Amino acid sequence: MFRCALKRVRFNCGKDLLKILLKKGYYIRNQKGSHVHLRHSFLLPVTVPNHKVIALGTLKAIMKTTGLTEKDFE
């Protein structure tokens, strides 16, 4: 079920994912290389790779940690 939902999610790179997370209330704490560390006032911190392609498993983990849904990517 979760895998089918991810196939419909469309975005290009880590920058697009960062924009979505910033809209949800996350803020950039720091960046080391191509990895951006984000914090939220009451949710768990998350690290997002700023790569051209994000692996499916990495995307699943970020969605689970941040509570992102398919609707957030529209």
C-alpha atoms as a PDB file:
ATOM      1  CA  MET A   1       0.000   0.000   0.000  1.00  0.00           C
ATOM      2  CA  PHE A   2       2.732   2.448   0.929  1.00  0.00           C
ATOM      3  CA  ARG A   3       4.789   1.555  -2.131  1.00  0.00           C
ATOM      4  CA  CYS A   4       1.861   2.206  -4.494  1.00  0.00           C
ATOM      5  CA  ALA A   5       1.334   5.633  -2.967  1.00  0.00           C
ATOM      6  CA  LEU A   6       4.993   6.514  -3.507  1.00  0.00           C
ATOM      7  CA  LYS A   7       4.811   5.700  -7.203  1.00  0.00           C
ATOM      8  CA  ARG A   8       2.327   8.541  -7.623  1.00  0.00           C
ATOM      9  CA  VAL A   9       4.552  11.022  -5.795  1.00  0.00           C
ATOM     10  CA  ARG A  10       6.338  13.243  -8.291  1.00  0.00           C
ATOM     11  CA  PHE A  11       9.205  15.552  -7.579  1.00  0.00           C
ATOM     12  CA  ASN A  12      12.608  16.096  -9.089  1.00  0.00           C
ATOM     13  CA  CYS A  13      15.224  16.371  -6.412  1.00  0.00           C
ATOM     14  CA  GLY A  14      16.110  17.111  -2.806  1.00  0.00           C
ATOM     15  CA  LYS A  15      15.389  20.807  -3.315  1.00  0.00           C
ATOM     16  CA  ASP A  16      11.720  20.047  -3.976  1.00  0.00           C
ATOM     17  CA  LEU A  17      11.514  17.917  -0.843  1.00  0.00           C
ATOM     18  CA  LEU A  18      13.155  20.703   1.168  1.00  0.00           C
ATOM     19  CA  LYS A  19      10.548  23.201  -0.057  1.00  0.00           C
ATOM     20  CA  ILE A  20       7.734  20.899   1.073  1.00  0.00           C
ATOM     21  CA  LEU A  21       9.287  20.388   4.507  1.00  0.00           C
ATOM     22  CA  LEU A  22       9.901  24.115   4.973  1.00  0.00           C
ATOM     23  CA  LYS A  23       6.204  24.732   4.271  1.00  0.00           C
ATOM     24  CA  LYS A  24       5.316  22.162   6.965  1.00  0.00           C
ATOM     25  CA  GLY A  25       7.203  24.137   9.621  1.00  0.00           C
ATOM     26  CA  TYR A  26      10.696  22.661   9.464  1.00  0.00           C
ATOM     27  CA  TYR A  27      13.665  25.023   9.430  1.00  0.00           C
ATOM     28  CA  ILE A  28      17.231  24.497   8.283  1.00  0.00           C
ATOM     29  CA  ARG A  29      19.568  23.973  11.211  1.00  0.00           C
ATOM     30  CA  ASN A  30      22.749  23.482   9.210  1.00  0.00           C
ATOM     31  CA  GLN A  31      24.189  21.803   6.153  1.00  0.00           C
ATOM     32  CA  LYS A  32      27.240  19.617   5.793  1.00  0.00           C
ATOM     33  CA  GLY A  33      28.138  18.824   2.217  1.00  0.00           C
ATOM     34  CA  SER A  34      25.002  17.841   0.344  1.00  0.00           C
ATOM     35  CA  HIS A  35      23.014  16.865   3.449  1.00  0.00           C
ATOM     36  CA  VAL A  36      20.659  19.413   4.987  1.00  0.00           C
ATOM     37  CA  HIS A  37      19.725  19.022   8.652  1.00  0.00           C
ATOM     38  CA  LEU A  38      16.199  20.201   9.463  1.00  0.00           C
ATOM     39  CA  ARG A  39      14.519  20.806  12.787  1.00  0.00           C
ATOM     40  CA  HIS A  40      10.922  21.350  13.871  1.00  0.00           C
ATOM     41  CA  SER A  41       9.557  22.800  17.080  1.00  0.00           C
ATOM     42  CA  PHE A  42       7.790  19.574  18.147  1.00  0.00           C
ATOM     43  CA  LEU A  43       8.539  16.892  15.509  1.00  0.00           C
ATOM     44  CA  LEU A  44      11.669  14.778  15.145  1.00  0.00           C
ATOM     45  CA  PRO A  45      14.665  16.254  13.298  1.00  0.00           C
ATOM     46  CA  VAL A  46      15.397  14.925   9.824  1.00  0.00           C
ATOM     47  CA  THR A  47      18.327  14.965   7.397  1.00  0.00           C
ATOM     48  CA  VAL A  48      17.541  15.412   3.714  1.00  0.00           C
ATOM     49  CA  PRO A  49      20.093  14.641   1.005  1.00  0.00           C
ATOM     50  CA  ASN A  50      20.250  17.472  -1.506  1.00  0.00           C
ATOM     51  CA  HIS A  51      20.834  15.100  -4.430  1.00  0.00           C
ATOM     52  CA  LYS A  52      19.337  14.986  -7.919  1.00  0.00           C
ATOM     53  CA  VAL A  53      17.809  11.570  -7.165  1.00  0.00           C
ATOM     54  CA  ILE A  54      16.609  10.443  -3.735  1.00  0.00           C
ATOM     55  CA  ALA A  55      16.495   6.694  -3.115  1.00  0.00           C
ATOM     56  CA  LEU A  56      13.070   5.178  -2.492  1.00  0.00           C
ATOM     57  CA  GLY A  57      14.030   3.858   0.948  1.00  0.00           C
ATOM     58  CA  THR A  58      15.351   7.274   1.979  1.00  0.00           C
ATOM     59  CA  LEU A  59      12.157   8.929   0.815  1.00  0.00           C
ATOM     60  CA  LYS A  60      10.054   6.399   2.763  1.00  0.00           C
ATOM     61  CA  ALA A  61      12.046   7.071   5.926  1.00  0.00           C
ATOM     62  CA  ILE A  62      11.706  10.846   5.548  1.00  0.00           C
ATOM     63  CA  MET A  63       7.960  10.549   4.920  1.00  0.00           C
ATOM     64  CA  LYS A  64       7.527   8.316   7.970  1.00  0.00           C
ATOM     65  CA  THR A  65       9.560  10.585  10.252  1.00  0.00           C
ATOM     66  CA  THR A  66       7.959  13.845   9.120  1.00  0.00           C
ATOM     67  CA  GLY A  67       4.421  12.581   8.609  1.00  0.00           C
ATOM     68  CA  LEU A  68       4.311  13.586   4.945  1.00  0.00           C
ATOM     69  CA  THR A  69       1.480  12.195   2.868  1.00  0.00           C
ATOM     70  CA  GLU A  70       0.806  11.937  -0.838  1.00  0.00           C
ATOM     71  CA  LYS A  71      -1.285  15.136  -0.705  1.00  0.00           C
ATOM     72  CA  ASP A  72       1.705  17.152   0.471  1.00  0.00           C
ATOM     73  CA  PHE A  73       3.441  16.546  -2.848  1.00  0.00           C
ATOM     74  CA  GLU A  74       0.616  18.002  -4.967  1.00  0.00           C
END
